[in-house]
Amino acid sequence: MKLLKIVFLFISIAFVSNIYAQTVYTTKTGGKYHKDSCRYLKYSKKETTIDKAKALGFEACSVCKPTKANTPKSNLTSSRTSQSKNNVNNVSKKSVATQCTGKTKSGSRCKRKTKSANGKCHQH
C-alpha cells in the first residue's frame, strides 16, 4: 500500500509538471520575447508562454537569450492564456509604424512615424 502511494505521488508530480509552461514576456511594439530580467522590458511587458510566442512569430531576444532551460515555469490559466494571446496578436499588428495623428503649430499633420497605440509620436 505504501509503495502504491509513492508511485501515485511520482505520477502526479510528473503530470503536473507537464501542465506548467515556460513563461516569457513580450512588449507592446516589439517582435521578440524576453526573460523577466531583460532590460528591454522596462516600460511594458505581457506574459505568455515560450511556445505561444514562437507560434505567433516572435523571436528570442539576443540580449537575454530566453530558452526553455533558463526561463521559469508558471501555471497560466486558459482564460489568462487566451487573453495574453489576444494581446500579443494586437501587438504584432501594431508593430508597423504609422504616421503621427498630431497637428503641428501651423495646423498641418505631423510627418513623424510612430508605433504607439495612441497614434501619436513622442512629441505629441
N, C-alpha and C. Protein backbone atom coordinates (compact mmCIF):
# COMPACT_ATOMS: atom_id res chain seq x y z
N MET A 1 0.82 -1.19 0.00
CA MET A 1 0.00 0.00 0.00
C MET A 1 0.87 1.26 0.00
N LYS A 2 1.94 1.24 0.78
CA LYS A 2 2.84 2.39 0.85
C LYS A 2 3.54 2.59 -0.49
N LEU A 3 3.90 1.50 -1.15
CA LEU A 3 4.54 1.57 -2.46
C LEU A 3 3.58 2.18 -3.48
N LEU A 4 2.31 1.83 -3.40
CA LEU A 4 1.30 2.37 -4.30
C LEU A 4 1.16 3.89 -4.12
N LYS A 5 1.20 4.36 -2.89
CA LYS A 5 1.12 5.80 -2.63
C LYS A 5 2.32 6.53 -3.21
N ILE A 6 3.51 5.96 -3.08
CA ILE A 6 4.72 6.58 -3.61
C ILE A 6 4.66 6.65 -5.13
N VAL A 7 4.24 5.57 -5.77
CA VAL A 7 4.11 5.56 -7.23
C VAL A 7 3.09 6.60 -7.67
N PHE A 8 1.95 6.68 -6.99
CA PHE A 8 0.93 7.67 -7.32
C PHE A 8 1.47 9.09 -7.17
N LEU A 9 2.26 9.33 -6.15
CA LEU A 9 2.86 10.65 -5.93
C LEU A 9 3.77 11.03 -7.08
N PHE A 10 4.63 10.13 -7.53
CA PHE A 10 5.55 10.43 -8.63
C PHE A 10 4.80 10.64 -9.94
N ILE A 11 3.74 9.87 -10.16
CA ILE A 11 2.96 10.06 -11.39
C ILE A 11 2.26 11.41 -11.37
N SER A 12 1.70 11.79 -10.23
CA SER A 12 1.02 13.08 -10.16
C SER A 12 1.99 14.25 -10.32
N ILE A 13 3.19 14.12 -9.76
CA ILE A 13 4.20 15.19 -9.93
C ILE A 13 4.60 15.30 -11.39
N ALA A 14 4.79 14.18 -12.06
CA ALA A 14 5.15 14.21 -13.48
C ALA A 14 4.03 14.83 -14.31
N PHE A 15 2.79 14.51 -14.00
CA PHE A 15 1.66 15.06 -14.74
C PHE A 15 1.54 16.57 -14.54
N VAL A 16 1.68 17.03 -13.32
CA VAL A 16 1.56 18.46 -13.02
C VAL A 16 2.69 19.24 -13.67
N SER A 17 3.88 18.69 -13.72
CA SER A 17 4.99 19.43 -14.32
C SER A 17 4.81 19.59 -15.82
N ASN A 18 4.05 18.72 -16.47
CA ASN A 18 3.78 18.88 -17.89
C ASN A 18 2.76 19.97 -18.16
N ILE A 19 1.92 20.29 -17.19
CA ILE A 19 0.92 21.34 -17.35
C ILE A 19 1.58 22.71 -17.34
N TYR A 20 2.62 22.86 -16.58
CA TYR A 20 3.30 24.14 -16.48
C TYR A 20 4.04 24.46 -17.77
N ALA A 21 4.12 25.75 -18.10
CA ALA A 21 4.78 26.18 -19.33
C ALA A 21 5.85 27.22 -18.99
N GLN A 22 6.82 27.36 -19.87
CA GLN A 22 7.88 28.34 -19.66
C GLN A 22 7.29 29.74 -19.90
N THR A 23 7.53 30.64 -18.97
CA THR A 23 7.00 31.99 -19.07
C THR A 23 8.03 32.92 -19.69
N VAL A 24 7.60 33.65 -20.71
CA VAL A 24 8.40 34.69 -21.32
C VAL A 24 7.52 35.93 -21.44
N TYR A 25 8.10 37.03 -21.81
CA TYR A 25 7.37 38.30 -21.87
C TYR A 25 7.61 38.96 -23.21
N THR A 26 6.58 39.63 -23.72
CA THR A 26 6.69 40.40 -24.94
C THR A 26 6.38 41.86 -24.61
N THR A 27 6.76 42.76 -25.49
CA THR A 27 6.46 44.18 -25.30
C THR A 27 5.29 44.56 -26.20
N LYS A 28 4.79 45.77 -26.03
CA LYS A 28 3.67 46.23 -26.85
C LYS A 28 4.03 46.31 -28.33
N THR A 29 5.21 46.79 -28.63
CA THR A 29 5.56 47.06 -30.02
C THR A 29 6.63 46.15 -30.58
N GLY A 30 7.27 45.34 -29.76
CA GLY A 30 8.39 44.54 -30.23
C GLY A 30 7.99 43.25 -30.91
N GLY A 31 8.97 42.61 -31.53
CA GLY A 31 8.77 41.35 -32.20
C GLY A 31 9.57 40.23 -31.56
N LYS A 32 10.04 40.45 -30.33
CA LYS A 32 10.87 39.47 -29.65
C LYS A 32 10.28 39.13 -28.29
N TYR A 33 10.66 37.95 -27.76
CA TYR A 33 10.25 37.58 -26.41
C TYR A 33 11.46 37.58 -25.50
N HIS A 34 11.23 37.87 -24.21
CA HIS A 34 12.30 38.14 -23.26
C HIS A 34 12.10 37.38 -21.95
N LYS A 35 13.19 37.26 -21.19
CA LYS A 35 13.10 36.79 -19.81
C LYS A 35 12.63 37.95 -18.95
N ASP A 36 12.18 37.64 -17.72
CA ASP A 36 11.65 38.66 -16.83
C ASP A 36 12.69 39.73 -16.49
N SER A 37 13.96 39.38 -16.47
CA SER A 37 15.01 40.30 -16.05
C SER A 37 15.61 41.11 -17.20
N CYS A 38 15.07 41.01 -18.39
CA CYS A 38 15.66 41.70 -19.55
C CYS A 38 15.45 43.21 -19.45
N ARG A 39 16.44 43.96 -19.90
CA ARG A 39 16.38 45.42 -19.81
C ARG A 39 15.37 46.02 -20.79
N TYR A 40 14.99 45.29 -21.82
CA TYR A 40 14.02 45.80 -22.79
C TYR A 40 12.58 45.75 -22.28
N LEU A 41 12.36 45.19 -21.12
CA LEU A 41 11.02 45.14 -20.54
C LEU A 41 10.80 46.27 -19.55
N LYS A 42 11.55 47.34 -19.66
CA LYS A 42 11.49 48.42 -18.70
C LYS A 42 10.12 49.10 -18.67
N TYR A 43 9.49 49.30 -19.82
CA TYR A 43 8.26 50.08 -19.87
C TYR A 43 6.99 49.25 -20.07
N SER A 44 7.10 48.12 -20.72
CA SER A 44 5.91 47.29 -20.93
C SER A 44 6.30 45.83 -21.00
N LYS A 45 5.42 44.97 -20.50
CA LYS A 45 5.63 43.54 -20.67
C LYS A 45 4.31 42.82 -20.53
N LYS A 46 4.15 41.82 -21.40
CA LYS A 46 2.95 41.00 -21.40
C LYS A 46 3.39 39.55 -21.29
N GLU A 47 2.80 38.84 -20.34
CA GLU A 47 3.20 37.47 -20.05
C GLU A 47 2.58 36.49 -21.05
N THR A 48 3.39 35.55 -21.52
CA THR A 48 2.93 34.49 -22.41
C THR A 48 3.86 33.29 -22.24
N THR A 49 3.58 32.23 -22.94
CA THR A 49 4.46 31.06 -22.87
C THR A 49 5.43 31.10 -24.04
N ILE A 50 6.52 30.39 -23.90
CA ILE A 50 7.55 30.40 -24.94
C ILE A 50 7.03 29.76 -26.22
N ASP A 51 6.22 28.71 -26.08
CA ASP A 51 5.68 28.04 -27.27
C ASP A 51 4.70 28.94 -28.02
N LYS A 52 3.85 29.67 -27.29
CA LYS A 52 2.90 30.56 -27.94
C LYS A 52 3.61 31.75 -28.59
N ALA A 53 4.66 32.24 -27.95
CA ALA A 53 5.41 33.35 -28.53
C ALA A 53 6.04 32.93 -29.86
N LYS A 54 6.60 31.72 -29.89
CA LYS A 54 7.19 31.21 -31.13
C LYS A 54 6.12 31.00 -32.19
N ALA A 55 4.96 30.49 -31.78
CA ALA A 55 3.87 30.24 -32.73
C ALA A 55 3.34 31.54 -33.32
N LEU A 56 3.39 32.62 -32.57
CA LEU A 56 2.90 33.92 -33.04
C LEU A 56 3.95 34.68 -33.84
N GLY A 57 5.13 34.09 -34.02
CA GLY A 57 6.15 34.72 -34.85
C GLY A 57 7.18 35.54 -34.11
N PHE A 58 7.16 35.51 -32.79
CA PHE A 58 8.16 36.24 -32.03
C PHE A 58 9.48 35.48 -32.05
N GLU A 59 10.57 36.22 -31.99
CA GLU A 59 11.91 35.63 -31.95
C GLU A 59 12.52 35.85 -30.58
N ALA A 60 13.55 35.08 -30.25
CA ALA A 60 14.22 35.23 -28.96
C ALA A 60 15.06 36.50 -28.94
N CYS A 61 15.10 37.17 -27.80
CA CYS A 61 15.91 38.37 -27.62
C CYS A 61 17.39 37.99 -27.67
N SER A 62 18.18 38.79 -28.34
CA SER A 62 19.61 38.48 -28.44
C SER A 62 20.39 38.95 -27.21
N VAL A 63 19.76 39.71 -26.33
CA VAL A 63 20.42 40.18 -25.11
C VAL A 63 20.24 39.19 -23.97
N CYS A 64 18.98 38.83 -23.66
CA CYS A 64 18.74 37.93 -22.52
C CYS A 64 18.71 36.46 -22.91
N LYS A 65 18.57 36.14 -24.19
CA LYS A 65 18.60 34.79 -24.72
C LYS A 65 17.70 33.81 -23.97
N PRO A 66 16.38 34.01 -24.01
CA PRO A 66 15.48 33.10 -23.30
C PRO A 66 15.35 31.75 -24.01
N THR A 67 15.48 30.67 -23.25
CA THR A 67 15.27 29.32 -23.76
C THR A 67 14.40 28.59 -22.75
N LYS A 68 13.97 27.39 -23.11
CA LYS A 68 13.15 26.62 -22.18
C LYS A 68 13.95 26.23 -20.94
N ALA A 69 15.26 26.11 -21.09
CA ALA A 69 16.09 25.70 -19.95
C ALA A 69 16.29 26.82 -18.93
N ASN A 70 16.30 28.09 -19.38
CA ASN A 70 16.61 29.16 -18.44
C ASN A 70 15.44 30.11 -18.15
N THR A 71 14.20 29.72 -18.50
CA THR A 71 13.05 30.54 -18.15
C THR A 71 12.24 29.83 -17.07
N PRO A 72 11.64 30.59 -16.16
CA PRO A 72 10.87 29.97 -15.08
C PRO A 72 9.57 29.38 -15.59
N LYS A 73 9.06 28.42 -14.85
CA LYS A 73 7.78 27.81 -15.20
C LYS A 73 6.66 28.52 -14.46
N SER A 74 5.51 28.60 -15.10
CA SER A 74 4.34 29.18 -14.44
C SER A 74 3.12 28.43 -14.88
N ASN A 75 2.05 28.59 -14.15
CA ASN A 75 0.79 27.93 -14.46
C ASN A 75 -0.18 28.98 -14.94
N LEU A 76 -0.32 29.13 -16.25
CA LEU A 76 -1.25 30.09 -16.81
C LEU A 76 -2.60 29.43 -17.01
N THR A 77 -3.65 30.06 -16.53
CA THR A 77 -4.98 29.50 -16.73
C THR A 77 -5.42 29.73 -18.16
N SER A 78 -6.41 29.01 -18.60
CA SER A 78 -6.83 29.10 -20.00
C SER A 78 -7.36 30.48 -20.34
N SER A 79 -8.08 31.13 -19.42
CA SER A 79 -8.61 32.46 -19.72
C SER A 79 -7.48 33.48 -19.81
N ARG A 80 -6.52 33.36 -18.93
CA ARG A 80 -5.40 34.29 -18.95
C ARG A 80 -4.54 34.06 -20.19
N THR A 81 -4.37 32.80 -20.58
CA THR A 81 -3.59 32.49 -21.77
C THR A 81 -4.27 33.03 -23.01
N SER A 82 -5.58 32.87 -23.13
CA SER A 82 -6.27 33.38 -24.30
C SER A 82 -6.25 34.90 -24.32
N GLN A 83 -6.32 35.53 -23.13
CA GLN A 83 -6.25 36.98 -23.06
C GLN A 83 -4.88 37.47 -23.51
N SER A 84 -3.81 36.82 -23.04
CA SER A 84 -2.48 37.26 -23.43
C SER A 84 -2.24 36.97 -24.90
N LYS A 85 -2.83 35.90 -25.45
CA LYS A 85 -2.69 35.60 -26.86
C LYS A 85 -3.35 36.69 -27.69
N ASN A 86 -4.54 37.15 -27.27
CA ASN A 86 -5.20 38.24 -27.98
C ASN A 86 -4.37 39.50 -27.92
N ASN A 87 -3.78 39.81 -26.78
CA ASN A 87 -2.94 41.00 -26.65
C ASN A 87 -1.72 40.90 -27.54
N VAL A 88 -1.11 39.72 -27.62
CA VAL A 88 0.07 39.54 -28.44
C VAL A 88 -0.29 39.70 -29.91
N ASN A 89 -1.47 39.20 -30.31
CA ASN A 89 -1.91 39.39 -31.70
C ASN A 89 -2.08 40.86 -32.01
N ASN A 90 -2.65 41.63 -31.10
CA ASN A 90 -2.81 43.06 -31.30
C ASN A 90 -1.47 43.75 -31.39
N VAL A 91 -0.49 43.30 -30.61
CA VAL A 91 0.84 43.90 -30.63
C VAL A 91 1.49 43.69 -31.98
N SER A 92 1.42 42.47 -32.51
CA SER A 92 2.10 42.20 -33.76
C SER A 92 1.46 42.99 -34.91
N LYS A 93 0.15 43.26 -34.83
CA LYS A 93 -0.49 44.05 -35.86
C LYS A 93 -0.06 45.51 -35.78
N LYS A 94 0.19 46.04 -34.59
CA LYS A 94 0.53 47.44 -34.39
C LYS A 94 2.03 47.69 -34.51
N SER A 95 2.84 46.67 -34.74
CA SER A 95 4.28 46.88 -34.78
C SER A 95 4.73 47.61 -36.04
N VAL A 96 3.82 47.86 -36.97
CA VAL A 96 4.15 48.62 -38.17
C VAL A 96 3.99 50.10 -37.85
N ALA A 97 5.00 50.88 -38.19
CA ALA A 97 4.96 52.31 -37.91
C ALA A 97 3.95 53.01 -38.82
N THR A 98 3.21 53.94 -38.24
CA THR A 98 2.25 54.73 -39.00
C THR A 98 2.54 56.21 -38.77
N GLN A 99 1.95 57.05 -39.60
CA GLN A 99 2.16 58.48 -39.46
C GLN A 99 1.44 59.00 -38.22
N CYS A 100 2.08 59.91 -37.51
CA CYS A 100 1.52 60.51 -36.30
C CYS A 100 0.23 61.25 -36.65
N THR A 101 -0.74 61.17 -35.74
CA THR A 101 -2.02 61.84 -35.97
C THR A 101 -2.06 63.24 -35.36
N GLY A 102 -0.97 63.68 -34.76
CA GLY A 102 -0.93 65.00 -34.13
C GLY A 102 -0.85 66.13 -35.14
N LYS A 103 -1.15 67.33 -34.68
CA LYS A 103 -1.11 68.53 -35.52
C LYS A 103 0.06 69.41 -35.10
N THR A 104 0.70 70.05 -36.04
CA THR A 104 1.79 70.98 -35.75
C THR A 104 1.21 72.35 -35.41
N LYS A 105 2.08 73.30 -35.05
CA LYS A 105 1.62 74.66 -34.72
C LYS A 105 0.96 75.33 -35.92
N SER A 106 1.45 75.00 -37.11
CA SER A 106 0.87 75.62 -38.31
C SER A 106 -0.46 74.98 -38.70
N GLY A 107 -0.85 73.88 -38.04
CA GLY A 107 -2.14 73.25 -38.31
C GLY A 107 -2.07 72.06 -39.24
N SER A 108 -0.88 71.77 -39.78
CA SER A 108 -0.77 70.61 -40.66
C SER A 108 -0.47 69.35 -39.84
N ARG A 109 -0.63 68.22 -40.46
CA ARG A 109 -0.42 66.94 -39.77
C ARG A 109 1.07 66.68 -39.59
N CYS A 110 1.43 66.12 -38.44
CA CYS A 110 2.82 65.78 -38.13
C CYS A 110 3.33 64.73 -39.10
N LYS A 111 4.58 64.83 -39.52
CA LYS A 111 5.14 63.91 -40.50
C LYS A 111 5.91 62.76 -39.88
N ARG A 112 6.05 62.73 -38.55
CA ARG A 112 6.81 61.66 -37.88
C ARG A 112 6.06 60.34 -37.93
N LYS A 113 6.81 59.24 -37.82
CA LYS A 113 6.24 57.89 -37.76
C LYS A 113 6.18 57.46 -36.30
N THR A 114 5.19 56.62 -35.94
CA THR A 114 5.06 56.14 -34.58
C THR A 114 4.51 54.71 -34.57
N LYS A 115 4.88 53.96 -33.54
CA LYS A 115 4.32 52.64 -33.30
C LYS A 115 3.45 52.65 -32.05
N SER A 116 3.24 53.81 -31.49
CA SER A 116 2.47 53.96 -30.27
C SER A 116 1.01 53.59 -30.50
N ALA A 117 0.39 53.01 -29.48
CA ALA A 117 -1.01 52.58 -29.60
C ALA A 117 -1.97 53.76 -29.75
N ASN A 118 -1.59 54.94 -29.23
CA ASN A 118 -2.49 56.07 -29.34
C ASN A 118 -2.34 56.82 -30.67
N GLY A 119 -1.38 56.43 -31.52
CA GLY A 119 -1.21 57.03 -32.82
C GLY A 119 -0.44 58.33 -32.84
N LYS A 120 0.16 58.71 -31.73
CA LYS A 120 0.89 59.97 -31.66
C LYS A 120 2.37 59.71 -31.42
N CYS A 121 3.24 60.57 -31.93
CA CYS A 121 4.67 60.42 -31.76
C CYS A 121 5.10 60.92 -30.38
N HIS A 122 6.40 60.88 -30.12
CA HIS A 122 6.90 61.26 -28.79
C HIS A 122 6.64 62.73 -28.45
N GLN A 123 6.51 63.57 -29.46
CA GLN A 123 6.34 64.99 -29.23
C GLN A 123 4.88 65.37 -28.97
N HIS A 124 3.95 64.57 -29.42
CA HIS A 124 2.54 64.89 -29.24
C HIS A 124 2.01 64.03 -28.16
